């Protein structure tokens, strides 16, 4: 079993680290689940909150641009 990304590097998810948060989003900018990211439950909860806060601050997009219709 793979170790959690955040446990491995001994850090917590932060809205300031946009590059790290972007790794846990799909191509359509949806938050990926634990089965795809292999993040522990504790960090998945904080990761979700931090991604939503980064979106609120306009550091991350809510959706990806797919062109006109």
PDB file of N, CA and C in Angstrom:
ATOM      1  N   UNK A   1       0.834  -1.185   0.000  1.00  0.00           N
ATOM      2  CA  UNK A   1       0.000   0.000   0.000  1.00  0.00           C
ATOM      3  C   UNK A   1       0.878   1.247   0.000  1.00  0.00           C
ATOM      4  N   UNK A   2       0.526   2.202  -0.847  1.00  0.00           N
ATOM      5  CA  UNK A   2       1.294   3.442  -0.917  1.00  0.00           C
ATOM      6  C   UNK A   2       1.014   4.312   0.294  1.00  0.00           C
ATOM      7  N   UNK A   3       2.041   5.019   0.713  1.00  0.00           N
ATOM      8  CA  UNK A   3       1.857   5.923   1.839  1.00  0.00           C
ATOM      9  C   UNK A   3       1.255   7.226   1.338  1.00  0.00           C
ATOM     10  N   UNK A   4       0.530   7.877   2.191  1.00  0.00           N
ATOM     11  CA  UNK A   4      -0.100   9.157   1.884  1.00  0.00           C
ATOM     12  C   UNK A   4       0.977  10.174   1.483  1.00  0.00           C
ATOM     13  N   UNK A   5       0.697  10.980   0.464  1.00  0.00           N
ATOM     14  CA  UNK A   5       1.632  12.003  -0.018  1.00  0.00           C
ATOM     15  C   UNK A   5       2.023  12.957   1.110  1.00  0.00           C
ATOM     16  N   UNK A   6       1.046  13.384   1.898  1.00  0.00           N
ATOM     17  CA  UNK A   6       1.301  14.362   2.946  1.00  0.00           C
ATOM     18  C   UNK A   6       1.985  13.734   4.152  1.00  0.00           C
ATOM     19  N   UNK A   7       1.674  12.482   4.470  1.00  0.00           N
ATOM     20  CA  UNK A   7       2.348  11.783   5.559  1.00  0.00           C
ATOM     21  C   UNK A   7       3.802  11.514   5.191  1.00  0.00           C
ATOM     22  N   UNK A   8       4.033  11.202   3.935  1.00  0.00           N
ATOM     23  CA  UNK A   8       5.376  10.876   3.470  1.00  0.00           C
ATOM     24  C   UNK A   8       6.313  12.080   3.614  1.00  0.00           C
ATOM     25  N   UNK A   9       5.841  13.274   3.258  1.00  0.00           N
ATOM     26  CA  UNK A   9       6.676  14.476   3.333  1.00  0.00           C
ATOM     27  C   UNK A   9       6.466  15.269   4.618  1.00  0.00           C
ATOM     28  N   UNK A  10       5.612  14.750   5.519  1.00  0.00           N
ATOM     29  CA  UNK A  10       5.358  15.369   6.822  1.00  0.00           C
ATOM     30  C   UNK A  10       4.917  16.824   6.694  1.00  0.00           C
ATOM     31  N   UNK A  11       3.948  17.065   5.811  1.00  0.00           N
ATOM     32  CA  UNK A  11       3.356  18.385   5.633  1.00  0.00           C
ATOM     33  C   UNK A  11       1.840  18.249   5.658  1.00  0.00           C
ATOM     34  N   UNK A  12       1.163  19.360   5.810  1.00  0.00           N
ATOM     35  CA  UNK A  12      -0.290  19.389   5.737  1.00  0.00           C
ATOM     36  C   UNK A  12      -0.698  20.140   4.475  1.00  0.00           C
ATOM     37  N   UNK A  13      -1.841  19.811   3.889  1.00  0.00           N
ATOM     38  CA  UNK A  13      -2.312  20.549   2.717  1.00  0.00           C
ATOM     39  C   UNK A  13      -2.537  22.016   3.075  1.00  0.00           C
ATOM     40  N   UNK A  14      -2.139  22.911   2.189  1.00  0.00           N
ATOM     41  CA  UNK A  14      -2.318  24.334   2.417  1.00  0.00           C
ATOM     42  C   UNK A  14      -2.803  24.995   1.138  1.00  0.00           C
ATOM     43  N   UNK A  15      -3.718  25.942   1.274  1.00  0.00           N
ATOM     44  CA  UNK A  15      -4.247  26.641   0.107  1.00  0.00           C
ATOM     45  C   UNK A  15      -3.168  27.479  -0.582  1.00  0.00           C
ATOM     46  N   UNK A  16      -2.075  27.758   0.117  1.00  0.00           N
ATOM     47  CA  UNK A  16      -0.994  28.561  -0.449  1.00  0.00           C
ATOM     48  C   UNK A  16      -0.150  27.763  -1.441  1.00  0.00           C
ATOM     49  N   UNK A  17      -0.143  26.448  -1.327  1.00  0.00           N
ATOM     50  CA  UNK A  17       0.642  25.593  -2.219  1.00  0.00           C
ATOM     51  C   UNK A  17      -0.247  25.109  -3.360  1.00  0.00           C
ATOM     52  N   UNK A  18      -0.492  25.993  -4.311  1.00  0.00           N
ATOM     53  CA  UNK A  18      -1.432  25.724  -5.393  1.00  0.00           C
ATOM     54  C   UNK A  18      -0.940  24.579  -6.282  1.00  0.00           C
ATOM     55  N   UNK A  19       0.364  24.463  -6.470  1.00  0.00           N
ATOM     56  CA  UNK A  19       0.906  23.404  -7.326  1.00  0.00           C
ATOM     57  C   UNK A  19       0.602  22.027  -6.737  1.00  0.00           C
ATOM     58  N   UNK A  20       0.739  21.906  -5.418  1.00  0.00           N
ATOM     59  CA  UNK A  20       0.433  20.627  -4.764  1.00  0.00           C
ATOM     60  C   UNK A  20      -1.054  20.315  -4.827  1.00  0.00           C
ATOM     61  N   UNK A  21      -1.894  21.312  -4.624  1.00  0.00           N
ATOM     62  CA  UNK A  21      -3.335  21.083  -4.653  1.00  0.00           C
ATOM     63  C   UNK A  21      -3.794  20.677  -6.046  1.00  0.00           C
ATOM     64  N   UNK A  22      -3.177  21.234  -7.073  1.00  0.00           N
ATOM     65  CA  UNK A  22      -3.579  20.941  -8.452  1.00  0.00           C
ATOM     66  C   UNK A  22      -3.335  19.481  -8.819  1.00  0.00           C
ATOM     67  N   UNK A  23      -2.418  18.817  -8.123  1.00  0.00           N
ATOM     68  CA  UNK A  23      -2.152  17.396  -8.381  1.00  0.00           C
ATOM     69  C   UNK A  23      -3.343  16.516  -8.032  1.00  0.00           C
ATOM     70  N   UNK A  24      -4.202  17.003  -7.153  1.00  0.00           N
ATOM     71  CA  UNK A  24      -5.326  16.213  -6.667  1.00  0.00           C
ATOM     72  C   UNK A  24      -6.638  16.592  -7.334  1.00  0.00           C
ATOM     73  N   UNK A  25      -6.552  17.267  -8.501  1.00  0.00           N
ATOM     74  CA  UNK A  25      -7.725  17.626  -9.293  1.00  0.00           C
ATOM     75  C   UNK A  25      -7.691  16.873 -10.613  1.00  0.00           C
ATOM     76  N   UNK A  26      -8.862  16.542 -11.124  1.00  0.00           N
ATOM     77  CA  UNK A  26      -8.938  15.873 -12.422  1.00  0.00           C
ATOM     78  C   UNK A  26      -8.734  16.907 -13.529  1.00  0.00           C
ATOM     79  N   UNK A  27      -8.781  16.462 -14.774  1.00  0.00           N
ATOM     80  CA  UNK A  27      -8.628  17.365 -15.916  1.00  0.00           C
ATOM     81  C   UNK A  27      -9.756  18.384 -15.958  1.00  0.00           C
ATOM     82  N   UNK A  28     -10.907  18.006 -15.445  1.00  0.00           N
ATOM     83  CA  UNK A  28     -12.058  18.918 -15.406  1.00  0.00           C
ATOM     84  C   UNK A  28     -12.143  19.689 -14.099  1.00  0.00           C
ATOM     85  N   UNK A  29     -11.045  19.613 -13.310  1.00  0.00           N
ATOM     86  CA  UNK A  29     -10.888  20.350 -12.053  1.00  0.00           C
ATOM     87  C   UNK A  29     -11.815  19.880 -10.936  1.00  0.00           C
ATOM     88  N   UNK A  30     -12.202  18.622 -10.986  1.00  0.00           N
ATOM     89  CA  UNK A  30     -12.962  18.037  -9.887  1.00  0.00           C
ATOM     90  C   UNK A  30     -11.975  17.411  -8.902  1.00  0.00           C
ATOM     91  N   UNK A  31     -12.341  17.407  -7.625  1.00  0.00           N
ATOM     92  CA  UNK A  31     -11.480  16.835  -6.596  1.00  0.00           C
ATOM     93  C   UNK A  31     -11.508  15.318  -6.727  1.00  0.00           C
ATOM     94  N   UNK A  32     -10.322  14.711  -6.796  1.00  0.00           N
ATOM     95  CA  UNK A  32     -10.224  13.263  -6.927  1.00  0.00           C
ATOM     96  C   UNK A  32     -10.443  12.594  -5.573  1.00  0.00           C
ATOM     97  N   UNK A  33     -10.960  11.391  -5.603  1.00  0.00           N
ATOM     98  CA  UNK A  33     -11.226  10.629  -4.388  1.00  0.00           C
ATOM     99  C   UNK A  33      -9.980   9.948  -3.855  1.00  0.00           C
ATOM    100  N   UNK A  34     -10.131   9.365  -2.671  1.00  0.00           N
ATOM    101  CA  UNK A  34      -9.004   8.698  -2.016  1.00  0.00           C
ATOM    102  C   UNK A  34      -8.511   7.492  -2.789  1.00  0.00           C
ATOM    103  N   UNK A  35      -9.406   6.819  -3.494  1.00  0.00           N
ATOM    104  CA  UNK A  35      -8.993   5.631  -4.242  1.00  0.00           C
ATOM    105  C   UNK A  35      -8.037   5.989  -5.376  1.00  0.00           C
ATOM    106  N   UNK A  36      -8.150   7.184  -5.925  1.00  0.00           N
ATOM    107  CA  UNK A  36      -7.268   7.597  -7.018  1.00  0.00           C
ATOM    108  C   UNK A  36      -6.006   8.301  -6.520  1.00  0.00           C
ATOM    109  N   UNK A  37      -6.099   8.990  -5.383  1.00  0.00           N
ATOM    110  CA  UNK A  37      -4.965   9.777  -4.904  1.00  0.00           C
ATOM    111  C   UNK A  37      -4.121   9.061  -3.858  1.00  0.00           C
ATOM    112  N   UNK A  38      -4.663   8.030  -3.243  1.00  0.00           N
ATOM    113  CA  UNK A  38      -4.025   7.282  -2.147  1.00  0.00           C
ATOM    114  C   UNK A  38      -3.570   8.203  -1.012  1.00  0.00           C
ATOM    115  N   UNK A  39      -4.455   9.111  -0.633  1.00  0.00           N
ATOM    116  CA  UNK A  39      -4.229  10.001   0.500  1.00  0.00           C
ATOM    117  C   UNK A  39      -5.029   9.450   1.677  1.00  0.00           C
ATOM    118  N   UNK A  40      -4.479   9.568   2.883  1.00  0.00           N
ATOM    119  CA  UNK A  40      -5.189   9.056   4.057  1.00  0.00           C
ATOM    120  C   UNK A  40      -6.437   9.903   4.328  1.00  0.00           C
ATOM    121  N   UNK A  41      -7.347   9.364   5.118  1.00  0.00           N
ATOM    122  CA  UNK A  41      -8.638  10.006   5.364  1.00  0.00           C
ATOM    123  C   UNK A  41      -8.477  11.378   6.026  1.00  0.00           C
ATOM    124  N   UNK A  42      -7.565  11.477   6.955  1.00  0.00           N
ATOM    125  CA  UNK A  42      -7.336  12.746   7.654  1.00  0.00           C
ATOM    126  C   UNK A  42      -6.918  13.835   6.677  1.00  0.00           C
ATOM    127  N   UNK A  43      -5.949  13.511   5.835  1.00  0.00           N
ATOM    128  CA  UNK A  43      -5.453  14.511   4.898  1.00  0.00           C
ATOM    129  C   UNK A  43      -6.427  14.755   3.746  1.00  0.00           C
ATOM    130  N   UNK A  44      -7.242  13.766   3.398  1.00  0.00           N
ATOM    131  CA  UNK A  44      -8.247  13.973   2.351  1.00  0.00           C
ATOM    132  C   UNK A  44      -9.273  15.017   2.798  1.00  0.00           C
ATOM    133  N   UNK A  45      -9.655  14.961   4.056  1.00  0.00           N
ATOM    134  CA  UNK A  45     -10.614  15.950   4.573  1.00  0.00           C
ATOM    135  C   UNK A  45     -10.026  17.355   4.535  1.00  0.00           C
ATOM    136  N   UNK A  46      -8.789  17.509   5.002  1.00  0.00           N
ATOM    137  CA  UNK A  46      -8.180  18.841   4.999  1.00  0.00           C
ATOM    138  C   UNK A  46      -7.863  19.286   3.572  1.00  0.00           C
ATOM    139  N   UNK A  47      -7.489  18.336   2.717  1.00  0.00           N
ATOM    140  CA  UNK A  47      -7.208  18.655   1.310  1.00  0.00           C
ATOM    141  C   UNK A  47      -8.443  19.233   0.631  1.00  0.00           C
ATOM    142  N   UNK A  48      -9.593  18.627   0.877  1.00  0.00           N
ATOM    143  CA  UNK A  48     -10.837  19.108   0.284  1.00  0.00           C
ATOM    144  C   UNK A  48     -11.149  20.524   0.746  1.00  0.00           C
ATOM    145  N   UNK A  49     -10.988  20.779   2.039  1.00  0.00           N
ATOM    146  CA  UNK A  49     -11.256  22.123   2.571  1.00  0.00           C
ATOM    147  C   UNK A  49     -10.297  23.152   1.986  1.00  0.00           C
ATOM    148  N   UNK A  50      -9.034  22.780   1.861  1.00  0.00           N
ATOM    149  CA  UNK A  50      -8.037  23.716   1.334  1.00  0.00           C
ATOM    150  C   UNK A  50      -8.254  23.990  -0.154  1.00  0.00           C
ATOM    151  N   UNK A  51      -8.654  22.975  -0.917  1.00  0.00           N
ATOM    152  CA  UNK A  51      -8.954  23.180  -2.340  1.00  0.00           C
ATOM    153  C   UNK A  51     -10.144  24.115  -2.491  1.00  0.00           C
ATOM    154  N   UNK A  52     -11.168  23.901  -1.681  1.00  0.00           N
ATOM    155  CA  UNK A  52     -12.353  24.766  -1.756  1.00  0.00           C
ATOM    156  C   UNK A  52     -12.009  26.199  -1.355  1.00  0.00           C
ATOM    157  N   UNK A  53     -11.139  26.371  -0.375  1.00  0.00           N
ATOM    158  CA  UNK A  53     -10.738  27.709   0.029  1.00  0.00           C
ATOM    159  C   UNK A  53      -9.892  28.377  -1.054  1.00  0.00           C
ATOM    160  N   UNK A  54      -9.000  27.607  -1.695  1.00  0.00           N
ATOM    161  CA  UNK A  54      -8.191  28.152  -2.789  1.00  0.00           C
ATOM    162  C   UNK A  54      -9.072  28.551  -3.972  1.00  0.00           C
ATOM    163  N   UNK A  55     -10.119  27.802  -4.222  1.00  0.00           N
ATOM    164  CA  UNK A  55     -11.070  28.179  -5.269  1.00  0.00           C
ATOM    165  C   UNK A  55     -11.766  29.476  -4.896  1.00  0.00           C
ATOM    166  N   UNK A  56     -12.174  29.613  -3.649  1.00  0.00           N
ATOM    167  CA  UNK A  56     -12.852  30.810  -3.167  1.00  0.00           C
ATOM    168  C   UNK A  56     -11.963  32.042  -3.347  1.00  0.00           C
ATOM    169  N   UNK A  57     -10.666  31.883  -3.111  1.00  0.00           N
ATOM    170  CA  UNK A  57      -9.712  32.978  -3.264  1.00  0.00           C
ATOM    171  C   UNK A  57      -9.257  33.166  -4.711  1.00  0.00           C
ATOM    172  N   UNK A  58      -9.805  32.372  -5.621  1.00  0.00           N
ATOM    173  CA  UNK A  58      -9.481  32.431  -7.055  1.00  0.00           C
ATOM    174  C   UNK A  58      -8.032  32.035  -7.344  1.00  0.00           C
ATOM    175  N   UNK A  59      -7.466  31.166  -6.518  1.00  0.00           N
ATOM    176  CA  UNK A  59      -6.140  30.622  -6.788  1.00  0.00           C
ATOM    177  C   UNK A  59      -6.233  29.386  -7.672  1.00  0.00           C
ATOM    178  N   UNK A  60      -7.373  28.694  -7.600  1.00  0.00           N
ATOM    179  CA  UNK A  60      -7.655  27.528  -8.438  1.00  0.00           C
ATOM    180  C   UNK A  60      -8.998  27.755  -9.136  1.00  0.00           C
ATOM    181  N   UNK A  61      -9.143  27.244 -10.361  1.00  0.00           N
ATOM    182  CA  UNK A  61     -10.433  27.393 -11.039  1.00  0.00           C
ATOM    183  C   UNK A  61     -11.449  26.369 -10.539  1.00  0.00           C
ATOM    184  N   UNK A  62     -12.716  26.716 -10.646  1.00  0.00           N
ATOM    185  CA  UNK A  62     -13.788  25.783 -10.299  1.00  0.00           C
ATOM    186  C   UNK A  62     -13.965  24.742 -11.396  1.00  0.00           C
ATOM    187  N   UNK A  63     -13.842  25.168 -12.657  1.00  0.00           N
ATOM    188  CA  UNK A  63     -14.019  24.279 -13.801  1.00  0.00           C
ATOM    189  C   UNK A  63     -12.920  24.549 -14.813  1.00  0.00           C
ATOM    190  N   UNK A  64     -12.695  23.592 -15.717  1.00  0.00           N
ATOM    191  CA  UNK A  64     -11.711  23.802 -16.777  1.00  0.00           C
ATOM    192  C   UNK A  64     -12.418  24.386 -17.984  1.00  0.00           C
ATOM    193  N   UNK A  65     -11.692  25.131 -18.753  1.00  0.00           N
ATOM    194  CA  UNK A  65     -12.246  25.755 -19.941  1.00  0.00           C
ATOM    195  C   UNK A  65     -12.259  24.722 -21.058  1.00  0.00           C
ATOM    196  N   UNK A  66     -13.428  24.407 -21.578  1.00  0.00           N
ATOM    197  CA  UNK A  66     -13.552  23.397 -22.629  1.00  0.00           C
ATOM    198  C   UNK A  66     -13.939  24.000 -23.970  1.00  0.00           C
ATOM    199  N   UNK A  67     -13.793  25.288 -24.114  1.00  0.00           N
ATOM    200  CA  UNK A  67     -14.126  25.925 -25.377  1.00  0.00           C
ATOM    201  C   UNK A  67     -15.606  26.293 -25.442  1.00  0.00           C
ATOM    202  N   UNK A  68     -15.991  26.826 -26.569  1.00  0.00           N
ATOM    203  CA  UNK A  68     -17.386  27.212 -26.757  1.00  0.00           C
ATOM    204  C   UNK A  68     -18.206  25.993 -27.067  1.00  0.00           C
ATOM    205  N   UNK A  69     -19.208  25.742 -26.304  1.00  0.00           N
ATOM    206  CA  UNK A  69     -20.171  24.653 -26.497  1.00  0.00           C
ATOM    207  C   UNK A  69     -19.588  23.486 -27.179  1.00  0.00           C
TER     208      UNK A  69
END
